[in-house]
Amino acid sequence: MKWDRQFFRFLLVGVINTLVGTSVMFALYNIAGAGYWLSSACNYLVGGTVSYFLNKYFTFSQKKRSIRYIVKFIANTVICYLLAYGIAKPMVLSVFADFGSLSVLENLAMLVGMCIYTLLGYFGQRYFVFRD
């Protein structure tokens, strides 16, 4: 089944780009003292670059060369990022308000944002960016 194969390849690529991007995000936030938005944005800048090339060629087997794919990928990434992290932070802060410091809650919000982004990103790439 094509959808299953693509979805599992997308998840494998996600693991790779998550290892790269998340390392950048949490290092910037927890070691360098960068804020929530800058740290999470750098995750998607670095991880997104890895993701674009792996998903284009490996997951969705799109061999055509076109600037259109890059523009659509960037638009999809920005929209999914803003939605995911814009939802995650207020949700985590309201649900877990009494369970930790702002730093702990923002780390949790970044994890929740990653999960939301993954779901939105898959559908955006599958049906918008790399659609046959």
N, C-alpha and C. Protein backbone atom coordinates (compact mmCIF):
# COMPACT_ATOMS: atom_id res chain seq x y z
N MET A 1 0.84 -1.18 0.00
CA MET A 1 0.00 0.00 0.00
C MET A 1 0.89 1.25 0.00
N LYS A 2 0.72 2.10 -0.99
CA LYS A 2 1.60 3.25 -1.18
C LYS A 2 1.55 4.21 0.01
N TRP A 3 0.36 4.49 0.52
CA TRP A 3 0.22 5.44 1.62
C TRP A 3 1.00 4.97 2.84
N ASP A 4 0.89 3.68 3.17
CA ASP A 4 1.61 3.16 4.33
C ASP A 4 3.12 3.27 4.15
N ARG A 5 3.61 2.91 2.98
CA ARG A 5 5.05 2.99 2.72
C ARG A 5 5.54 4.43 2.84
N GLN A 6 4.81 5.35 2.26
CA GLN A 6 5.20 6.75 2.34
C GLN A 6 5.13 7.27 3.76
N PHE A 7 4.10 6.89 4.49
CA PHE A 7 3.96 7.36 5.86
C PHE A 7 5.10 6.85 6.72
N PHE A 8 5.46 5.59 6.58
CA PHE A 8 6.56 5.05 7.38
C PHE A 8 7.91 5.62 6.97
N ARG A 9 8.08 5.89 5.69
CA ARG A 9 9.31 6.57 5.26
C ARG A 9 9.35 7.99 5.83
N PHE A 10 8.19 8.66 5.82
CA PHE A 10 8.09 10.00 6.39
C PHE A 10 8.49 9.98 7.87
N LEU A 11 8.02 8.97 8.60
CA LEU A 11 8.38 8.85 10.02
C LEU A 11 9.87 8.58 10.20
N LEU A 12 10.46 7.76 9.35
CA LEU A 12 11.91 7.50 9.42
C LEU A 12 12.70 8.77 9.16
N VAL A 13 12.31 9.51 8.13
CA VAL A 13 12.96 10.80 7.87
C VAL A 13 12.76 11.73 9.06
N GLY A 14 11.58 11.67 9.65
CA GLY A 14 11.28 12.48 10.82
C GLY A 14 12.21 12.18 11.98
N VAL A 15 12.52 10.92 12.18
CA VAL A 15 13.45 10.54 13.25
C VAL A 15 14.82 11.18 13.00
N ILE A 16 15.28 11.09 11.77
CA ILE A 16 16.60 11.65 11.43
C ILE A 16 16.59 13.16 11.61
N ASN A 17 15.60 13.83 11.01
CA ASN A 17 15.61 15.29 11.11
C ASN A 17 15.28 15.76 12.52
N THR A 18 14.55 14.94 13.29
CA THR A 18 14.26 15.29 14.68
C THR A 18 15.53 15.23 15.53
N LEU A 19 16.34 14.22 15.30
CA LEU A 19 17.61 14.14 16.04
C LEU A 19 18.47 15.36 15.79
N VAL A 20 18.52 15.79 14.53
CA VAL A 20 19.33 16.95 14.17
C VAL A 20 18.70 18.24 14.69
N GLY A 21 17.45 18.49 14.31
CA GLY A 21 16.78 19.74 14.67
C GLY A 21 16.52 19.91 16.15
N THR A 22 16.12 18.82 16.81
CA THR A 22 15.83 18.90 18.24
C THR A 22 17.09 19.17 19.05
N SER A 23 18.18 18.60 18.62
CA SER A 23 19.45 18.88 19.30
C SER A 23 19.76 20.37 19.24
N VAL A 24 19.55 20.95 18.07
CA VAL A 24 19.77 22.39 17.91
C VAL A 24 18.81 23.17 18.80
N MET A 25 17.51 22.81 18.77
CA MET A 25 16.49 23.53 19.52
C MET A 25 16.76 23.52 21.03
N PHE A 26 16.95 22.33 21.59
CA PHE A 26 17.13 22.25 23.03
C PHE A 26 18.48 22.81 23.48
N ALA A 27 19.50 22.69 22.64
CA ALA A 27 20.79 23.30 22.98
C ALA A 27 20.66 24.82 23.01
N LEU A 28 20.00 25.38 22.01
CA LEU A 28 19.82 26.84 21.99
C LEU A 28 19.00 27.31 23.19
N TYR A 29 17.91 26.59 23.50
CA TYR A 29 17.03 27.02 24.59
C TYR A 29 17.70 26.82 25.96
N ASN A 30 18.25 25.64 26.20
CA ASN A 30 18.74 25.28 27.53
C ASN A 30 20.20 25.65 27.79
N ILE A 31 21.01 25.71 26.76
CA ILE A 31 22.44 26.02 26.96
C ILE A 31 22.74 27.47 26.57
N ALA A 32 22.26 27.88 25.40
CA ALA A 32 22.58 29.23 24.91
C ALA A 32 21.63 30.29 25.45
N GLY A 33 20.51 29.87 26.05
CA GLY A 33 19.58 30.83 26.63
C GLY A 33 18.69 31.54 25.61
N ALA A 34 18.59 30.99 24.41
CA ALA A 34 17.69 31.59 23.39
C ALA A 34 16.25 31.34 23.82
N GLY A 35 15.34 32.15 23.36
CA GLY A 35 13.93 32.03 23.73
C GLY A 35 13.21 30.90 23.03
N TYR A 36 11.96 30.70 23.41
CA TYR A 36 11.08 29.65 22.88
C TYR A 36 10.97 29.73 21.35
N TRP A 37 10.61 30.90 20.83
CA TRP A 37 10.37 31.03 19.39
C TRP A 37 11.65 30.91 18.58
N LEU A 38 12.74 31.53 19.00
CA LEU A 38 14.00 31.44 18.26
C LEU A 38 14.53 30.00 18.26
N SER A 39 14.49 29.36 19.41
CA SER A 39 14.99 27.98 19.52
C SER A 39 14.18 27.03 18.64
N SER A 40 12.86 27.13 18.73
CA SER A 40 12.03 26.22 17.94
C SER A 40 12.12 26.56 16.44
N ALA A 41 12.27 27.82 16.09
CA ALA A 41 12.41 28.19 14.67
C ALA A 41 13.71 27.64 14.10
N CYS A 42 14.79 27.69 14.86
CA CYS A 42 16.07 27.15 14.37
C CYS A 42 15.97 25.64 14.16
N ASN A 43 15.18 24.97 14.99
CA ASN A 43 14.93 23.55 14.80
C ASN A 43 14.40 23.31 13.38
N TYR A 44 13.44 24.11 12.97
CA TYR A 44 12.81 23.90 11.67
C TYR A 44 13.64 24.44 10.51
N LEU A 45 14.50 25.35 10.76
CA LEU A 45 15.41 25.81 9.72
C LEU A 45 16.43 24.72 9.40
N VAL A 46 17.04 24.17 10.43
CA VAL A 46 18.05 23.13 10.25
C VAL A 46 17.39 21.80 9.88
N GLY A 47 16.43 21.37 10.70
CA GLY A 47 15.75 20.11 10.43
C GLY A 47 14.96 20.14 9.13
N GLY A 48 14.40 21.30 8.81
CA GLY A 48 13.62 21.43 7.58
C GLY A 48 14.46 21.23 6.33
N THR A 49 15.69 21.68 6.37
CA THR A 49 16.59 21.50 5.24
C THR A 49 16.86 20.01 5.02
N VAL A 50 17.16 19.31 6.11
CA VAL A 50 17.37 17.86 6.04
C VAL A 50 16.09 17.18 5.55
N SER A 51 14.97 17.58 6.12
CA SER A 51 13.68 16.99 5.78
C SER A 51 13.32 17.17 4.32
N TYR A 52 13.55 18.36 3.79
CA TYR A 52 13.20 18.63 2.39
C TYR A 52 13.86 17.62 1.45
N PHE A 53 15.16 17.49 1.57
CA PHE A 53 15.87 16.63 0.63
C PHE A 53 15.54 15.16 0.84
N LEU A 54 15.45 14.71 2.09
CA LEU A 54 15.12 13.31 2.33
C LEU A 54 13.68 12.99 1.91
N ASN A 55 12.74 13.87 2.23
CA ASN A 55 11.36 13.60 1.84
C ASN A 55 11.14 13.70 0.34
N LYS A 56 11.78 14.67 -0.29
CA LYS A 56 11.61 14.83 -1.73
C LYS A 56 12.06 13.59 -2.49
N TYR A 57 13.24 13.12 -2.17
CA TYR A 57 13.81 12.01 -2.94
C TYR A 57 13.52 10.63 -2.37
N PHE A 58 13.48 10.49 -1.06
CA PHE A 58 13.31 9.18 -0.43
C PHE A 58 11.85 8.87 -0.15
N THR A 59 11.14 9.76 0.52
CA THR A 59 9.77 9.47 0.93
C THR A 59 8.80 9.54 -0.24
N PHE A 60 8.81 10.65 -0.95
CA PHE A 60 7.81 10.87 -2.00
C PHE A 60 8.34 10.64 -3.41
N SER A 61 9.60 10.23 -3.53
CA SER A 61 10.23 9.89 -4.81
C SER A 61 9.96 10.92 -5.90
N GLN A 62 10.10 12.17 -5.55
CA GLN A 62 9.85 13.25 -6.50
C GLN A 62 11.19 13.65 -7.12
N LYS A 63 11.37 13.31 -8.38
CA LYS A 63 12.65 13.55 -9.06
C LYS A 63 12.69 14.86 -9.83
N LYS A 64 11.53 15.45 -10.08
CA LYS A 64 11.49 16.70 -10.84
C LYS A 64 12.19 17.81 -10.08
N ARG A 65 12.90 18.65 -10.82
CA ARG A 65 13.56 19.81 -10.22
C ARG A 65 12.73 21.04 -10.52
N SER A 66 12.38 21.74 -9.45
CA SER A 66 11.58 22.94 -9.64
C SER A 66 11.66 23.79 -8.38
N ILE A 67 11.78 25.07 -8.57
CA ILE A 67 11.77 26.00 -7.44
C ILE A 67 10.41 25.96 -6.75
N ARG A 68 9.39 25.55 -7.51
CA ARG A 68 8.04 25.47 -6.96
C ARG A 68 7.98 24.54 -5.74
N TYR A 69 8.71 23.43 -5.78
CA TYR A 69 8.73 22.52 -4.63
C TYR A 69 9.32 23.19 -3.39
N ILE A 70 10.38 23.92 -3.61
CA ILE A 70 11.03 24.60 -2.49
C ILE A 70 10.11 25.66 -1.89
N VAL A 71 9.46 26.44 -2.73
CA VAL A 71 8.54 27.48 -2.26
C VAL A 71 7.38 26.84 -1.51
N LYS A 72 6.81 25.78 -2.07
CA LYS A 72 5.70 25.10 -1.41
C LYS A 72 6.14 24.47 -0.09
N PHE A 73 7.35 23.90 -0.08
CA PHE A 73 7.86 23.29 1.15
C PHE A 73 8.05 24.35 2.24
N ILE A 74 8.62 25.47 1.87
CA ILE A 74 8.82 26.55 2.85
C ILE A 74 7.48 27.06 3.36
N ALA A 75 6.52 27.26 2.46
CA ALA A 75 5.18 27.72 2.88
C ALA A 75 4.54 26.71 3.81
N ASN A 76 4.61 25.44 3.47
CA ASN A 76 4.05 24.39 4.31
C ASN A 76 4.73 24.37 5.68
N THR A 77 6.05 24.46 5.69
CA THR A 77 6.80 24.43 6.95
C THR A 77 6.43 25.61 7.83
N VAL A 78 6.37 26.80 7.27
CA VAL A 78 6.05 27.99 8.05
C VAL A 78 4.63 27.90 8.61
N ILE A 79 3.67 27.52 7.79
CA ILE A 79 2.28 27.42 8.25
C ILE A 79 2.14 26.36 9.34
N CYS A 80 2.71 25.18 9.10
CA CYS A 80 2.62 24.10 10.11
C CYS A 80 3.34 24.49 11.39
N TYR A 81 4.49 25.14 11.26
CA TYR A 81 5.25 25.58 12.43
C TYR A 81 4.44 26.57 13.27
N LEU A 82 3.91 27.61 12.62
CA LEU A 82 3.16 28.62 13.36
C LEU A 82 1.92 28.03 14.01
N LEU A 83 1.22 27.17 13.30
CA LEU A 83 0.04 26.52 13.89
C LEU A 83 0.43 25.63 15.07
N ALA A 84 1.40 24.75 14.84
CA ALA A 84 1.77 23.77 15.87
C ALA A 84 2.29 24.43 17.14
N TYR A 85 3.24 25.35 16.98
CA TYR A 85 3.83 25.96 18.17
C TYR A 85 2.93 27.04 18.76
N GLY A 86 2.10 27.65 17.92
CA GLY A 86 1.13 28.61 18.41
C GLY A 86 0.03 27.95 19.23
N ILE A 87 -0.29 26.70 18.91
CA ILE A 87 -1.27 25.93 19.68
C ILE A 87 -0.62 25.32 20.91
N ALA A 88 0.58 24.76 20.75
CA ALA A 88 1.22 23.99 21.82
C ALA A 88 1.51 24.82 23.06
N LYS A 89 2.09 25.99 22.90
CA LYS A 89 2.50 26.75 24.08
C LYS A 89 1.31 27.16 24.95
N PRO A 90 0.28 27.81 24.41
CA PRO A 90 -0.83 28.17 25.28
C PRO A 90 -1.55 26.95 25.86
N MET A 91 -1.61 25.86 25.09
CA MET A 91 -2.26 24.65 25.58
C MET A 91 -1.50 24.08 26.78
N VAL A 92 -0.20 23.93 26.64
CA VAL A 92 0.62 23.38 27.72
C VAL A 92 0.60 24.31 28.94
N LEU A 93 0.73 25.60 28.70
CA LEU A 93 0.71 26.55 29.83
C LEU A 93 -0.61 26.53 30.57
N SER A 94 -1.71 26.32 29.88
CA SER A 94 -3.00 26.30 30.58
C SER A 94 -3.27 24.95 31.25
N VAL A 95 -2.91 23.86 30.61
CA VAL A 95 -3.17 22.53 31.17
C VAL A 95 -2.22 22.21 32.33
N PHE A 96 -0.96 22.59 32.21
CA PHE A 96 0.05 22.22 33.21
C PHE A 96 0.56 23.41 34.01
N ALA A 97 -0.23 24.44 34.13
CA ALA A 97 0.19 25.69 34.78
C ALA A 97 0.77 25.50 36.17
N ASP A 98 0.26 24.55 36.92
CA ASP A 98 0.69 24.36 38.30
C ASP A 98 1.76 23.28 38.46
N PHE A 99 2.32 22.80 37.36
CA PHE A 99 3.22 21.65 37.45
C PHE A 99 4.69 21.93 37.21
N GLY A 100 5.08 23.17 37.11
CA GLY A 100 6.51 23.40 36.90
C GLY A 100 6.80 24.84 36.55
N SER A 101 8.08 25.09 36.42
CA SER A 101 8.54 26.43 36.06
C SER A 101 8.25 26.71 34.59
N LEU A 102 8.36 27.96 34.21
CA LEU A 102 8.13 28.34 32.82
C LEU A 102 9.10 27.60 31.90
N SER A 103 10.33 27.45 32.32
CA SER A 103 11.32 26.74 31.52
C SER A 103 10.90 25.30 31.25
N VAL A 104 10.45 24.60 32.27
CA VAL A 104 9.99 23.21 32.12
C VAL A 104 8.78 23.16 31.20
N LEU A 105 7.84 24.07 31.40
CA LEU A 105 6.63 24.09 30.60
C LEU A 105 6.93 24.43 29.13
N GLU A 106 7.88 25.33 28.90
CA GLU A 106 8.22 25.65 27.51
C GLU A 106 8.94 24.49 26.84
N ASN A 107 9.76 23.75 27.58
CA ASN A 107 10.37 22.54 27.02
C ASN A 107 9.28 21.54 26.64
N LEU A 108 8.30 21.35 27.52
CA LEU A 108 7.18 20.45 27.23
C LEU A 108 6.38 20.96 26.03
N ALA A 109 6.16 22.26 25.96
CA ALA A 109 5.43 22.85 24.83
C ALA A 109 6.17 22.60 23.52
N MET A 110 7.49 22.66 23.54
CA MET A 110 8.25 22.39 22.33
C MET A 110 8.08 20.93 21.90
N LEU A 111 8.02 20.02 22.84
CA LEU A 111 7.78 18.60 22.51
C LEU A 111 6.39 18.41 21.93
N VAL A 112 5.38 19.02 22.54
CA VAL A 112 4.01 18.93 22.03
C VAL A 112 3.93 19.57 20.65
N GLY A 113 4.58 20.71 20.47
CA GLY A 113 4.60 21.37 19.17
C GLY A 113 5.20 20.49 18.09
N MET A 114 6.23 19.74 18.43
CA MET A 114 6.86 18.82 17.48
C MET A 114 5.86 17.76 17.02
N CYS A 115 5.07 17.24 17.95
CA CYS A 115 4.08 16.21 17.60
C CYS A 115 3.00 16.78 16.69
N ILE A 116 2.49 17.93 17.03
CA ILE A 116 1.46 18.57 16.20
C ILE A 116 2.04 18.88 14.82
N TYR A 117 3.26 19.39 14.79
CA TYR A 117 3.91 19.72 13.53
C TYR A 117 4.06 18.48 12.64
N THR A 118 4.43 17.36 13.23
CA THR A 118 4.63 16.14 12.46
C THR A 118 3.36 15.74 11.72
N LEU A 119 2.24 15.77 12.40
CA LEU A 119 0.98 15.42 11.75
C LEU A 119 0.61 16.41 10.65
N LEU A 120 0.67 17.69 10.97
CA LEU A 120 0.34 18.71 9.97
C LEU A 120 1.33 18.65 8.80
N GLY A 121 2.61 18.48 9.11
CA GLY A 121 3.65 18.46 8.08
C GLY A 121 3.50 17.31 7.11
N TYR A 122 3.15 16.13 7.62
CA TYR A 122 2.97 14.98 6.73
C TYR A 122 1.87 15.26 5.71
N PHE A 123 0.72 15.67 6.19
CA PHE A 123 -0.40 15.91 5.27
C PHE A 123 -0.11 17.06 4.30
N GLY A 124 0.57 18.08 4.79
CA GLY A 124 0.93 19.19 3.91
C GLY A 124 1.91 18.77 2.83
N GLN A 125 2.90 17.96 3.19
CA GLN A 125 3.87 17.51 2.19
C GLN A 125 3.25 16.50 1.24
N ARG A 126 2.45 15.62 1.78
CA ARG A 126 1.83 14.55 0.95
C ARG A 126 0.85 15.12 -0.06
N TYR A 127 -0.02 16.03 0.39
CA TYR A 127 -1.11 16.49 -0.46
C TYR A 127 -0.90 17.88 -1.07
N PHE A 128 0.15 18.58 -0.67
CA PHE A 128 0.38 19.92 -1.21
C PHE A 128 1.76 20.04 -1.86
N VAL A 129 2.81 19.73 -1.12
CA VAL A 129 4.17 19.99 -1.61
C VAL A 129 4.59 18.99 -2.68
N PHE A 130 4.53 17.69 -2.38
CA PHE A 130 5.06 16.67 -3.28
C PHE A 130 3.97 15.85 -3.96
N ARG A 131 2.79 16.38 -4.05
CA ARG A 131 1.68 15.66 -4.69
C ARG A 131 2.03 15.39 -6.15
N ASP A 132 1.72 14.18 -6.60
CA ASP A 132 1.99 13.80 -8.01
C ASP A 132 1.16 14.64 -8.95
